[in-house]
Amino acid sequence: MKWTIAKQESPAYFRVTLSGRLDLVGFDQMLGELVVAIKDAEWPPILLDERQRNVGQTTTERLEEAVNSLIVRNPAFAYCRIAILYNPGGDYERGREFKAIASPASYAAIEVFDNEANAMKWLLEQKSMSEP
């Protein structure tokens, strides 16, 4: 699994682009790097772009392990806004399953999308709603 983490300045958010097969060791490493990247931002908006990965074949057990990596082992994400961008079809449906597993386990605002414009709109609306 490969990834890039980029801090976007205007508007301010973190973009994580993932590619390759889901590898939970790699996923944990990526999350560790992301924790370091967001450490100075208070509850930053995060876009996880999963469109370069084929997640449609990912098992429910793997999704549960990924949720555990994201939420349980990385409390820094507890109050973040996380938009996850998937390809339409099976990938998007697996993303909805990930959200269903993750939402009750976290205080994070997590939403899944198959359209980048909609993902960004939600992500940035959430940011402006949380600012004083």
Protein backbone atom coordinates (compact mmCIF):
# COMPACT_ATOMS: atom_id res chain seq x y z
CA MET A 1 0.00 0.00 0.00
CA LYS A 2 1.28 3.46 -0.87
CA TRP A 3 0.14 6.87 0.33
CA THR A 4 0.85 10.56 0.24
CA ILE A 5 -0.10 13.07 2.93
CA ALA A 6 -0.36 16.69 1.86
CA LYS A 7 -1.40 19.70 3.91
CA GLN A 8 -3.50 21.98 1.76
CA GLU A 9 -3.36 25.66 2.69
CA SER A 10 -6.37 27.32 1.13
CA PRO A 11 -8.75 25.99 2.12
CA ALA A 12 -6.92 24.32 5.00
CA TYR A 13 -7.27 20.54 5.19
CA PHE A 14 -5.15 17.40 4.95
CA ARG A 15 -5.39 15.25 1.83
CA VAL A 16 -4.33 11.61 2.10
CA THR A 17 -4.17 9.69 -1.17
CA LEU A 18 -4.01 5.90 -0.86
CA SER A 19 -3.20 3.35 -3.55
CA GLY A 20 -2.63 -0.39 -3.77
CA ARG A 21 -4.18 -3.19 -1.72
CA LEU A 22 -5.28 -2.65 1.87
CA ASP A 23 -2.35 -3.59 4.07
CA LEU A 24 -3.10 -3.08 7.75
CA VAL A 25 0.58 -2.67 8.66
CA GLY A 26 0.87 0.02 5.98
CA PHE A 27 -2.44 1.54 7.08
CA ASP A 28 -1.10 1.82 10.65
CA GLN A 29 2.13 3.39 9.35
CA MET A 30 0.15 5.90 7.28
CA LEU A 31 -1.99 6.79 10.30
CA GLY A 32 1.17 7.28 12.39
CA GLU A 33 2.52 9.72 9.80
CA LEU A 34 -0.84 11.48 9.66
CA VAL A 35 -0.91 11.89 13.46
CA VAL A 36 2.46 13.66 13.25
CA ALA A 37 1.25 15.82 10.34
CA ILE A 38 -1.91 16.99 12.14
CA LYS A 39 -0.40 17.40 15.62
CA ASP A 40 -0.43 21.21 15.52
CA ALA A 41 -3.90 21.50 13.97
CA GLU A 42 -6.96 21.42 16.20
CA TRP A 43 -9.42 18.86 14.84
CA PRO A 44 -8.38 19.30 11.23
CA PRO A 45 -10.51 18.28 8.27
CA ILE A 46 -9.06 15.22 6.54
CA LEU A 47 -9.85 13.89 3.08
CA LEU A 48 -8.94 10.21 2.61
CA ASP A 49 -8.90 9.63 -1.14
CA GLU A 50 -9.35 5.89 -1.69
CA ARG A 51 -10.10 6.08 -5.42
CA GLN A 52 -6.75 4.57 -6.45
CA ARG A 53 -7.46 1.46 -4.39
CA ASN A 54 -9.90 -1.35 -5.14
CA VAL A 55 -11.62 -1.77 -1.79
CA GLY A 56 -14.71 -3.59 -3.09
CA GLN A 57 -13.17 -6.98 -2.22
CA THR A 58 -12.12 -5.96 1.31
CA THR A 59 -13.69 -8.23 3.93
CA THR A 60 -15.78 -6.95 6.81
CA GLU A 61 -13.10 -8.29 9.17
CA ARG A 62 -10.50 -6.13 7.43
CA LEU A 63 -12.78 -3.10 7.68
CA GLU A 64 -13.19 -3.73 11.41
CA GLU A 65 -9.40 -3.96 11.79
CA ALA A 66 -9.01 -0.69 9.87
CA VAL A 67 -11.58 0.97 12.14
CA ASN A 68 -9.63 -0.29 15.15
CA SER A 69 -6.45 1.22 13.71
CA LEU A 70 -8.12 4.55 12.98
CA ILE A 71 -10.18 5.04 16.12
CA VAL A 72 -8.95 2.88 18.98
CA ARG A 73 -5.21 3.10 18.48
CA ASN A 74 -5.17 6.70 17.30
CA PRO A 75 -7.26 8.87 19.62
CA ALA A 76 -5.88 11.96 17.84
CA PHE A 77 -8.56 11.33 15.20
CA ALA A 78 -11.40 11.18 17.73
CA TYR A 79 -12.75 14.66 17.00
CA CYS A 80 -11.56 15.14 13.41
CA ARG A 81 -13.77 15.58 10.38
CA ILE A 82 -12.95 12.81 7.94
CA ALA A 83 -14.37 12.63 4.42
CA ILE A 84 -13.55 9.37 2.66
CA LEU A 85 -13.68 9.42 -1.12
CA TYR A 86 -14.39 6.16 -2.97
CA ASN A 87 -15.10 5.10 -6.52
CA PRO A 88 -18.81 4.65 -7.28
CA GLY A 89 -20.18 1.12 -7.01
CA GLY A 90 -18.70 -1.63 -4.85
CA ASP A 91 -15.93 0.53 -3.42
CA TYR A 92 -18.46 3.13 -2.28
CA GLU A 93 -20.64 0.43 -0.70
CA ARG A 94 -17.64 -0.93 1.25
CA GLY A 95 -16.96 2.64 2.33
CA ARG A 96 -20.50 2.93 3.65
CA GLU A 97 -19.91 -0.27 5.61
CA PHE A 98 -16.67 1.20 7.02
CA LYS A 99 -18.61 4.28 8.14
CA ALA A 100 -21.32 2.16 9.75
CA ILE A 101 -18.65 0.30 11.75
CA ALA A 102 -16.60 3.41 12.61
CA SER A 103 -19.30 5.94 13.50
CA PRO A 104 -20.49 4.34 16.76
CA ALA A 105 -16.87 3.78 17.86
CA SER A 106 -15.74 7.37 17.42
CA TYR A 107 -16.50 10.98 18.12
CA ALA A 108 -15.09 11.75 14.68
CA ALA A 109 -17.43 13.10 12.04
CA ILE A 110 -17.00 10.55 9.24
CA GLU A 111 -18.78 10.63 5.91
CA VAL A 112 -18.23 8.73 2.66
CA PHE A 113 -18.54 10.10 -0.85
CA ASP A 114 -18.16 9.02 -4.46
CA ASN A 115 -17.86 12.62 -5.68
CA GLU A 116 -14.93 14.86 -4.75
CA ALA A 117 -16.85 18.14 -5.00
CA ASN A 118 -19.48 16.85 -2.57
CA ALA A 119 -16.79 15.53 -0.22
CA MET A 120 -15.00 18.87 -0.15
CA LYS A 121 -18.23 20.80 0.33
CA TRP A 122 -19.15 18.65 3.35
CA LEU A 123 -15.63 18.73 4.76
CA LEU A 124 -15.35 22.51 4.59
CA GLU A 125 -18.94 23.15 5.72
CA GLN A 126 -18.19 21.07 8.79
CA LYS A 127 -15.09 23.16 9.43
CA SER A 128 -16.92 26.46 9.20
CA MET A 129 -19.73 25.17 11.43
CA SER A 130 -17.26 24.23 14.18
CA GLU A 131 -15.39 27.54 14.15
CA PRO A 132 -16.50 30.28 16.56
